[in-house]
């Protein structure tokens, strides 16, 4: 479905959807400025922070397509509210967590709960305009895109402020008034009526339970293979077996959890997803490593760290708006994206314990510039490749590959900072990121095919 021209925004309808869609990216990066304080509180080394980062992404990687499927089967408004309820429970568990393990439980619930917002919001928006036989207006799609992807760079700032005000509990506590406000405002959202045919079809015939279980087991074993030093080859071998079984099963399903046939039929689309995985890996590695280094090496408070990250957030939002309106070639936009990534990653090697704060801000600006370009580049690359009749499932897969990149970055962060937060650990993150950039550059040459934005 092609976006129509802009129209006046119905904020009574859009505001609760926007608030819900913002929760996942904010919760994914808000933790960055609280990790050091949190790990110290529970007497854990800072590398243990990866155990709080990756569970949210694993839960979201599974939850995003699952919640989208449930939104198709049931009333998407109900699934939207279910997500709010799960986030509320997760926030309570996090605030009152007696042990580090309970924080992991909270992050898993947050991953599942926040996953409901984006697919249910898209289903509600699509229903609103399909009823009047209109395409979704361009400004509406833009709002959802920024809320779902662009707000991730504001997480460190918000996390720093609430951590300074309420301690590490603040990054969980803020979800309570947020979600209660969204739930209250969502009363203005009309329900989607299902046809009798929809109601008569069994849920078990429309949800690929075995595919979900195979994919979940694969992700958990992948995580173990990435973070465990002992028996790594065993976990890796089982991962390969599970992934092979998953592929074989999904190719035979009429309604698969992840549409493997679509990727097989369109290799150029698969390359977009792989590039999304790679860029998300680099961006999340930078977004998590920088705040921890600022607090651990420069010995700044969470609120000071959050303030230092403000220019990054502003640059990301500004550059995203500029490139989306000025650059029409998807290919050149992707090349610009990878160049900006290489520059941002290389700038990490300028940082050291004695460097002035102004230079740290300069590095964060480069990271923000790279984030803004790549968010738009990946979104528009997908729009240029996706078959119109498979837009929904394609954007679901887009989120899944992005989460996979975030999962890998979380485990790499644990490896880089396993001996404490140091300049050397930051440089290790820089080498990880640059290696990924080199691979991304190779992928661009493989898939070189000049395209213009639709």
Protein backbone atom coordinates (compact mmCIF):
# COMPACT_ATOMS: atom_id res chain seq x y z
CA UNK A 1 0.00 0.00 0.00
CA UNK A 2 1.54 3.33 -1.08
CA UNK A 3 1.38 6.24 1.32
CA UNK A 4 -0.90 9.14 0.41
CA UNK A 5 -0.07 12.80 0.87
CA UNK A 6 -0.13 14.28 4.36
CA UNK A 7 -3.33 15.04 6.17
CA UNK A 8 -4.37 16.54 9.49
CA UNK A 9 -3.39 14.21 12.32
CA UNK A 10 -6.06 12.79 14.62
CA UNK A 11 -4.04 12.93 17.84
CA UNK A 12 -6.81 11.35 19.93
CA UNK A 13 -6.29 8.26 17.80
CA UNK A 14 -2.54 8.50 17.23
CA UNK A 15 -1.16 9.62 20.62
CA UNK A 16 -1.72 6.35 22.55
CA UNK A 17 -0.33 4.37 19.60
CA UNK A 18 2.75 6.60 19.47
CA UNK A 19 3.30 6.31 23.23
CA UNK A 20 3.05 2.53 22.97
CA UNK A 21 5.39 2.28 19.98
CA UNK A 22 8.01 4.39 21.76
CA UNK A 23 8.25 2.01 24.72
CA UNK A 24 10.37 -0.66 23.03
CA UNK A 25 13.18 1.55 21.69
CA UNK A 26 13.26 3.62 24.87
CA UNK A 27 13.44 0.58 27.15
CA UNK A 28 16.10 -0.98 24.96
CA UNK A 29 18.53 1.97 25.33
CA UNK A 30 17.31 3.68 28.53
CA UNK A 31 19.19 1.03 30.49
CA UNK A 32 22.57 2.19 29.15
CA UNK A 33 23.07 5.01 31.65
CA UNK A 34 21.80 2.89 34.57
CA UNK A 35 23.85 -0.27 33.98
CA UNK A 36 26.88 0.77 36.03
CA UNK A 37 24.78 1.86 39.03
CA UNK A 38 22.58 -1.22 38.75
CA UNK A 39 25.45 -3.71 38.54
CA UNK A 40 27.19 -2.07 41.49
CA UNK A 41 24.00 -2.31 43.56
CA UNK A 42 23.75 -6.07 42.98
CA UNK A 43 27.53 -6.57 43.33
CA UNK A 44 27.88 -7.70 39.71
CA UNK A 45 30.66 -6.77 37.32
CA UNK A 46 29.51 -4.42 34.59
CA UNK A 47 29.84 -7.11 31.90
CA UNK A 48 26.82 -8.78 33.54
CA UNK A 49 24.77 -5.94 32.08
CA UNK A 50 24.57 -8.02 28.90
CA UNK A 51 22.32 -10.41 30.85
CA UNK A 52 19.78 -7.57 31.07
CA UNK A 53 20.27 -6.29 27.53
CA UNK A 54 19.90 -9.47 25.49
CA UNK A 55 16.80 -11.02 27.18
CA UNK A 56 14.67 -8.04 26.12
CA UNK A 57 15.82 -8.43 22.52
CA UNK A 58 15.28 -12.18 22.49
CA UNK A 59 11.77 -11.71 23.88
CA UNK A 60 11.08 -8.93 21.36
CA UNK A 61 12.51 -10.92 18.44
CA UNK A 62 10.00 -13.67 19.20
CA UNK A 63 7.24 -11.39 20.46
CA UNK A 64 7.09 -8.97 17.52
CA UNK A 65 5.86 -11.40 14.84
CA UNK A 66 3.83 -13.35 17.42
CA UNK A 67 1.98 -10.26 18.64
CA UNK A 68 1.48 -9.20 15.03
CA UNK A 69 -0.13 -12.54 14.29
CA UNK A 70 -2.37 -12.23 17.34
CA UNK A 71 -3.36 -8.73 16.23
CA UNK A 72 -4.49 -10.24 12.92
CA UNK A 73 -6.49 -12.96 14.63
CA UNK A 74 -8.05 -10.94 17.44
CA UNK A 75 -9.03 -7.31 17.93
CA UNK A 76 -5.71 -5.38 17.59
CA UNK A 77 -6.94 -2.93 20.23
CA UNK A 78 -7.10 -5.82 22.71
CA UNK A 79 -3.55 -6.92 21.81
CA UNK A 80 -2.39 -3.32 22.19
CA UNK A 81 -3.85 -3.22 25.71
CA UNK A 82 -2.44 -6.65 26.53
CA UNK A 83 0.99 -5.22 25.79
CA UNK A 84 0.34 -2.29 28.14
CA UNK A 85 -0.66 -4.66 30.93
CA UNK A 86 2.49 -6.77 30.48
CA UNK A 87 4.67 -3.64 30.55
CA UNK A 88 2.96 -2.50 33.76
CA UNK A 89 3.63 -5.88 35.41
CA UNK A 90 7.23 -5.81 34.16
CA UNK A 91 7.76 -2.34 35.65
CA UNK A 92 6.45 -3.44 39.07
CA UNK A 93 8.70 -6.54 39.02
CA UNK A 94 11.70 -4.39 38.06
CA UNK A 95 11.17 -1.68 40.68
CA UNK A 96 10.81 -4.19 43.53
CA UNK A 97 13.25 -6.82 42.21
CA UNK A 98 14.99 -8.44 45.24
CA UNK A 99 17.70 -10.08 43.10
CA UNK A 100 19.46 -9.61 39.78
CA UNK A 101 17.59 -12.63 38.39
CA UNK A 102 14.25 -10.89 38.96
CA UNK A 103 15.50 -7.99 36.85
CA UNK A 104 16.06 -10.46 34.02
CA UNK A 105 12.43 -11.61 34.42
CA UNK A 106 11.32 -7.98 34.24
CA UNK A 107 13.30 -7.38 31.06
CA UNK A 108 11.80 -10.48 29.40
CA UNK A 109 8.28 -9.25 30.25
CA UNK A 110 9.21 -5.80 28.92
CA UNK A 111 10.39 -7.36 25.67
CA UNK A 112 7.12 -9.24 25.18
CA UNK A 113 4.88 -6.39 26.33
CA UNK A 114 6.50 -3.67 24.24
CA UNK A 115 6.43 -5.98 21.20
CA UNK A 116 2.65 -5.73 21.06
CA UNK A 117 2.62 -1.99 20.40
CA UNK A 118 4.08 -1.70 16.87
CA UNK A 119 2.20 -4.48 15.03
CA UNK A 120 -1.11 -3.72 16.75
CA UNK A 121 -0.66 0.00 16.01
CA UNK A 122 -0.04 -0.72 12.33
CA UNK A 123 -3.10 -2.99 12.24
CA UNK A 124 -5.29 -0.29 13.83
CA UNK A 125 -3.97 2.41 11.49
CA UNK A 126 -4.39 0.20 8.41
CA UNK A 127 -7.96 -0.61 9.46
CA UNK A 128 -8.79 3.08 10.00
CA UNK A 129 -7.83 4.02 6.46
CA UNK A 130 -8.91 0.83 4.69
CA UNK A 131 -12.46 1.41 5.96
CA UNK A 132 -12.53 4.60 3.92
CA UNK A 133 -10.63 2.91 1.06
CA UNK A 134 -7.62 5.18 1.45
CA UNK A 135 -3.90 4.50 1.73
CA UNK A 136 -2.11 5.44 4.94
CA UNK A 137 -1.01 9.11 4.68
CA UNK A 138 2.73 9.74 4.48
CA UNK A 139 2.90 11.86 7.64
CA UNK A 140 1.15 9.10 9.63
CA UNK A 141 3.71 6.54 8.46
CA UNK A 142 6.47 9.00 9.30
CA UNK A 143 5.21 9.42 12.87
CA UNK A 144 5.09 5.66 13.42
CA UNK A 145 8.59 5.20 11.95
CA UNK A 146 10.14 7.88 14.16
CA UNK A 147 8.30 6.60 17.24
CA UNK A 148 9.36 3.03 16.54
CA UNK A 149 13.00 3.56 15.50
CA UNK A 150 14.12 7.17 15.92
CA UNK A 151 13.37 7.40 19.64
CA UNK A 152 15.95 4.74 20.56
CA UNK A 153 18.67 7.44 20.69
CA UNK A 154 16.71 9.39 23.36
CA UNK A 155 16.88 6.41 25.72
CA UNK A 156 20.33 7.22 27.22
CA UNK A 157 19.23 10.78 28.03
CA UNK A 158 15.96 9.72 29.63
CA UNK A 159 17.68 6.84 31.44
CA UNK A 160 20.32 9.16 32.87
CA UNK A 161 17.77 11.65 34.17
CA UNK A 162 15.50 9.09 35.85
CA UNK A 163 18.48 7.18 37.28
CA UNK A 164 19.84 10.36 38.82
CA UNK A 165 16.42 11.18 40.28
CA UNK A 166 15.23 7.72 41.42
CA UNK A 167 18.27 5.44 41.30
CA UNK A 168 18.48 2.46 38.94
CA UNK A 169 14.82 1.71 39.73
CA UNK A 170 13.93 4.80 37.70
CA UNK A 171 14.40 3.04 34.34
CA UNK A 172 11.66 0.60 35.37
CA UNK A 173 9.53 3.08 37.33
CA UNK A 174 9.03 5.48 34.42
CA UNK A 175 7.08 2.82 32.54
CA UNK A 176 4.25 2.96 35.11
CA UNK A 177 2.94 6.52 34.47
CA UNK A 178 3.83 6.12 30.79
CA UNK A 179 1.74 3.00 30.29
CA UNK A 180 -1.15 4.21 32.49
CA UNK A 181 -1.37 7.39 30.38
CA UNK A 182 -1.32 5.39 27.15
CA UNK A 183 -4.00 3.00 28.44
CA UNK A 184 -6.24 5.89 29.45
CA UNK A 185 -5.86 7.62 26.09
CA UNK A 186 -6.46 4.37 24.20
CA UNK A 187 -10.14 4.50 25.11
CA UNK A 188 -10.48 6.80 22.06
CA UNK A 189 -9.29 4.02 19.73
CA UNK A 190 -12.16 2.19 18.01
CA UNK A 191 -12.21 -1.61 18.14
CA UNK A 192 -11.77 -3.66 14.99
CA UNK A 193 -14.68 -5.98 14.36
CA UNK A 194 -13.77 -9.45 13.17
CA UNK A 195 -15.89 -11.32 10.63
CA UNK A 196 -17.65 -14.53 11.59
CA UNK A 197 -15.17 -16.40 9.38
CA UNK A 198 -12.27 -14.98 11.43
CA UNK A 199 -13.95 -16.05 14.66
CA UNK A 200 -14.55 -19.60 13.46
CA UNK A 201 -10.91 -20.32 12.57
CA UNK A 202 -9.01 -21.97 15.42
CA UNK A 203 -6.09 -19.97 16.80
CA UNK A 204 -3.92 -23.10 16.67
CA UNK A 205 -4.42 -23.29 12.90
CA UNK A 206 -3.27 -19.70 12.48
CA UNK A 207 -0.25 -19.66 14.77
CA UNK A 208 2.83 -21.70 13.88
CA UNK A 209 3.48 -23.02 17.41
CA UNK A 210 6.24 -25.45 16.39
CA UNK A 211 7.96 -22.73 14.38
CA UNK A 212 7.83 -20.39 17.39
CA UNK A 213 9.29 -23.06 19.69
CA UNK A 214 12.08 -23.94 17.26
CA UNK A 215 12.96 -20.28 16.74
CA UNK A 216 12.88 -19.58 20.50
CA UNK A 217 15.15 -22.55 21.23
CA UNK A 218 17.53 -21.40 18.49
CA UNK A 219 17.77 -17.88 19.93
CA UNK A 220 18.39 -19.11 23.48
CA UNK A 221 21.12 -21.51 22.32
CA UNK A 222 22.60 -18.74 20.16
CA UNK A 223 22.80 -16.52 23.23
CA UNK A 224 24.50 -19.30 25.20
CA UNK A 225 26.97 -19.89 22.37
CA UNK A 226 27.85 -16.20 22.34
CA UNK A 227 28.34 -15.66 26.09
CA UNK A 228 29.72 -19.04 27.24
CA UNK A 229 33.42 -19.78 26.95
CA UNK A 230 33.15 -23.43 28.00
CA UNK A 231 31.35 -25.87 25.69
CA UNK A 232 30.89 -23.15 23.07
CA UNK A 233 31.21 -25.67 20.25
CA UNK A 234 28.38 -27.78 21.71
CA UNK A 235 26.01 -24.81 21.84
CA UNK A 236 27.07 -23.74 18.35
CA UNK A 237 26.47 -27.23 16.93
CA UNK A 238 23.01 -27.47 18.46
CA UNK A 239 22.26 -23.97 17.11
CA UNK A 240 23.06 -25.10 13.58
CA UNK A 241 20.82 -28.17 13.97
CA UNK A 242 17.91 -26.13 15.38
CA UNK A 243 18.26 -23.47 12.68
CA UNK A 244 18.24 -26.15 9.97
CA UNK A 245 15.13 -27.76 11.46
CA UNK A 246 13.48 -24.34 11.69
CA UNK A 247 14.18 -23.57 8.01
CA UNK A 248 12.92 -26.98 6.89
CA UNK A 249 9.73 -26.64 8.94
CA UNK A 250 8.92 -23.05 7.94
CA UNK A 251 9.28 -23.76 4.21
CA UNK A 252 6.42 -26.27 4.45
CA UNK A 253 3.99 -24.05 6.38
CA UNK A 254 1.12 -22.18 4.75
CA UNK A 255 1.13 -19.60 7.56
CA UNK A 256 4.73 -19.68 8.86
CA UNK A 257 6.04 -17.80 11.87
CA UNK A 258 8.78 -16.36 9.62
CA UNK A 259 8.20 -16.44 5.86
CA UNK A 260 11.31 -18.28 4.66
CA UNK A 261 9.86 -18.69 1.16
CA UNK A 262 9.68 -14.91 0.76
CA UNK A 263 13.40 -14.58 1.51
CA UNK A 264 14.22 -17.44 -0.87
CA UNK A 265 12.22 -15.84 -3.67
CA UNK A 266 13.75 -12.37 -3.14
CA UNK A 267 17.48 -12.59 -2.25
CA UNK A 268 17.77 -8.81 -2.56
CA UNK A 269 15.26 -8.53 0.29
CA UNK A 270 17.35 -10.95 2.36
CA UNK A 271 20.39 -8.71 1.81
CA UNK A 272 18.40 -5.76 3.16
CA UNK A 273 17.65 -7.77 6.30
CA UNK A 274 21.30 -8.81 6.71
CA UNK A 275 22.40 -5.18 6.33
CA UNK A 276 19.78 -4.22 8.93
CA UNK A 277 21.22 -6.82 11.31
CA UNK A 278 24.74 -5.48 10.73
CA UNK A 279 23.92 -1.79 11.14
CA UNK A 280 21.80 -2.44 14.25
CA UNK A 281 24.67 -4.46 15.71
CA UNK A 282 27.05 -1.52 15.25
CA UNK A 283 24.60 1.16 16.39
CA UNK A 284 23.55 -0.67 19.55
CA UNK A 285 27.18 -1.50 20.34
CA UNK A 286 28.00 2.21 20.22
CA UNK A 287 24.84 3.25 22.07
CA UNK A 288 25.63 0.88 24.95
CA UNK A 289 29.42 1.18 25.06
CA UNK A 290 29.70 4.97 25.09
CA UNK A 291 27.52 5.72 28.16
CA UNK A 292 29.17 2.93 30.18
CA UNK A 293 32.65 4.23 29.25
CA UNK A 294 31.66 7.80 30.17
CA UNK A 295 30.45 6.69 33.61
CA UNK A 296 33.13 4.07 34.26
CA UNK A 297 36.22 5.88 32.94
CA UNK A 298 35.32 9.58 33.08
CA UNK A 299 33.47 8.96 36.37
CA UNK A 300 30.43 11.01 35.45
CA UNK A 301 26.97 10.61 36.97
CA UNK A 302 24.07 9.08 35.00
CA UNK A 303 22.42 12.49 34.58
CA UNK A 304 25.67 14.05 33.31
CA UNK A 305 26.08 11.16 30.91
CA UNK A 306 22.52 11.66 29.70
CA UNK A 307 23.17 15.34 29.07
CA UNK A 308 26.33 14.53 27.09
CA UNK A 309 24.18 12.25 24.90
CA UNK A 310 21.67 15.04 24.07
CA UNK A 311 23.58 16.28 20.97
CA UNK A 312 23.61 12.70 19.66
CA UNK A 313 19.82 12.49 19.99
CA UNK A 314 19.24 15.86 18.34
CA UNK A 315 21.65 15.10 15.49
CA UNK A 316 19.99 11.75 14.86
CA UNK A 317 16.51 13.29 14.60
CA UNK A 318 17.71 16.22 12.46
CA UNK A 319 19.72 14.17 9.97
CA UNK A 320 16.91 11.61 9.63
CA UNK A 321 14.52 14.37 8.53
CA UNK A 322 17.06 15.87 6.12
CA UNK A 323 18.14 12.68 4.33
CA UNK A 324 14.59 11.36 4.04
CA UNK A 325 13.53 14.45 2.12
CA UNK A 326 16.70 15.26 0.16
CA UNK A 327 18.25 11.96 -0.97
CA UNK A 328 16.17 9.94 -3.42
CA UNK A 329 18.65 7.18 -4.30
CA UNK A 330 18.38 4.27 -1.86
CA UNK A 331 21.76 2.92 -2.98
CA UNK A 332 23.61 6.17 -2.30
CA UNK A 333 21.75 6.58 0.97
CA UNK A 334 23.02 3.14 2.06
CA UNK A 335 26.58 3.99 0.99
CA UNK A 336 26.36 7.25 2.94
CA UNK A 337 25.10 5.23 5.88
CA UNK A 338 28.04 2.81 5.94
CA UNK A 339 30.57 5.64 5.46
CA UNK A 340 29.07 7.49 8.42
CA UNK A 341 29.23 4.26 10.44
CA UNK A 342 32.93 3.81 9.69
CA UNK A 343 33.66 7.41 10.71
CA UNK A 344 31.66 7.06 13.94
CA UNK A 345 33.37 3.77 14.85
CA UNK A 346 36.83 5.15 14.06
CA UNK A 347 36.18 8.16 16.31
CA UNK A 348 36.05 5.84 19.34
CA UNK A 349 39.84 5.48 19.12
CA UNK A 350 40.20 9.21 19.83
CA UNK A 351 38.71 8.76 23.30
CA UNK A 352 40.79 8.19 26.40
CA UNK A 353 40.66 8.85 30.12
CA UNK A 354 42.19 12.34 29.83
CA UNK A 355 40.21 13.65 26.85
CA UNK A 356 38.10 16.80 27.27
CA UNK A 357 34.32 16.49 27.43
CA UNK A 358 33.87 18.60 24.28
CA UNK A 359 35.60 15.88 22.22
CA UNK A 360 33.37 13.21 23.76
CA UNK A 361 30.34 15.26 22.67
CA UNK A 362 31.86 15.44 19.18
CA UNK A 363 32.05 11.65 19.02
CA UNK A 364 28.44 11.30 20.19
CA UNK A 365 27.38 13.74 17.44
CA UNK A 366 29.06 11.49 14.86
CA UNK A 367 27.23 8.49 16.32
CA UNK A 368 23.94 10.42 16.17
CA UNK A 369 24.57 11.39 12.55
CA UNK A 370 25.26 7.77 11.65
CA UNK A 371 22.17 6.56 13.53
CA UNK A 372 19.85 9.02 11.77
CA UNK A 373 21.13 8.13 8.29
CA UNK A 374 21.02 4.37 8.80
CA UNK A 375 17.55 4.28 10.35
CA UNK A 376 16.15 5.97 7.24
CA UNK A 377 18.40 4.01 4.85
CA UNK A 378 17.23 0.65 6.19
CA UNK A 379 13.56 1.63 6.21
CA UNK A 380 13.65 2.95 2.64
CA UNK A 381 15.72 -0.01 1.39
CA UNK A 382 12.98 -2.29 2.64
CA UNK A 383 10.27 -0.17 1.02
CA UNK A 384 12.14 -0.38 -2.30
CA UNK A 385 12.38 -4.19 -2.18
CA UNK A 386 9.25 -5.44 -0.46
CA UNK A 387 6.37 -6.85 -2.54
CA UNK A 388 3.29 -4.65 -1.93
CA UNK A 389 1.13 -7.64 -1.02
CA UNK A 390 3.60 -8.73 1.69
CA UNK A 391 4.27 -5.42 3.38
CA UNK A 392 3.13 -6.52 6.85
CA UNK A 393 5.17 -9.71 7.12
CA UNK A 394 8.19 -8.00 5.55
CA UNK A 395 8.24 -5.20 8.12
CA UNK A 396 7.81 -7.79 10.86
CA UNK A 397 10.93 -9.59 9.63
CA UNK A 398 12.70 -6.23 9.44
CA UNK A 399 12.21 -5.79 13.19
CA UNK A 400 13.29 -9.40 13.85
CA UNK A 401 16.65 -8.98 12.08
CA UNK A 402 17.19 -5.68 13.85
CA UNK A 403 16.71 -7.36 17.23
CA UNK A 404 19.16 -10.10 16.25
CA UNK A 405 21.79 -7.41 15.69
CA UNK A 406 21.01 -5.95 19.11
CA UNK A 407 21.32 -9.39 20.75
CA UNK A 408 24.77 -9.96 19.26
CA UNK A 409 25.91 -6.47 20.30
CA UNK A 410 24.86 -7.15 23.89
CA UNK A 411 26.94 -10.30 24.10
CA UNK A 412 29.93 -8.61 22.44
CA UNK A 413 29.69 -5.86 25.03
CA UNK A 414 30.02 -8.45 27.78
CA UNK A 415 33.19 -9.75 26.14
CA UNK A 416 34.71 -6.30 25.66
CA UNK A 417 34.12 -5.19 29.26
CA UNK A 418 34.68 -8.50 31.02
CA UNK A 419 37.77 -7.09 32.80
CA UNK A 420 36.07 -3.83 33.70
CA UNK A 421 35.29 -0.61 31.84
CA UNK A 422 38.52 0.68 30.32
CA UNK A 423 39.79 2.55 27.27
CA UNK A 424 40.95 -0.83 25.92
CA UNK A 425 37.44 -2.29 26.26
CA UNK A 426 36.01 0.66 24.32
CA UNK A 427 38.62 0.19 21.59
CA UNK A 428 37.67 -3.50 21.41
CA UNK A 429 34.08 -2.41 20.74
CA UNK A 430 35.45 -0.11 18.04
CA UNK A 431 37.26 -2.98 16.30
CA UNK A 432 34.14 -5.17 16.49
CA UNK A 433 32.13 -2.36 14.90
CA UNK A 434 34.65 -1.58 12.15
CA UNK A 435 34.83 -5.26 11.17
CA UNK A 436 31.05 -5.26 10.79
CA UNK A 437 31.27 -2.08 8.68
CA UNK A 438 33.75 -3.76 6.32
CA UNK A 439 31.37 -6.70 5.88
CA UNK A 440 28.49 -4.27 5.27
CA UNK A 441 30.51 -2.51 2.58
CA UNK A 442 31.08 -5.84 0.83
CA UNK A 443 27.33 -6.52 0.94
CA UNK A 444 26.62 -3.16 -0.72
CA UNK A 445 28.87 -4.09 -3.64
CA UNK A 446 27.19 -7.52 -3.91
CA UNK A 447 23.72 -5.99 -4.02
CA UNK A 448 24.64 -2.91 -6.06
CA UNK A 449 21.52 -1.97 -7.95
CA UNK A 450 20.68 1.74 -8.11
CA UNK A 451 17.13 2.39 -6.93
CA UNK A 452 15.06 5.41 -6.20
CA UNK A 453 12.65 5.78 -3.31
CA UNK A 454 9.11 4.86 -4.24
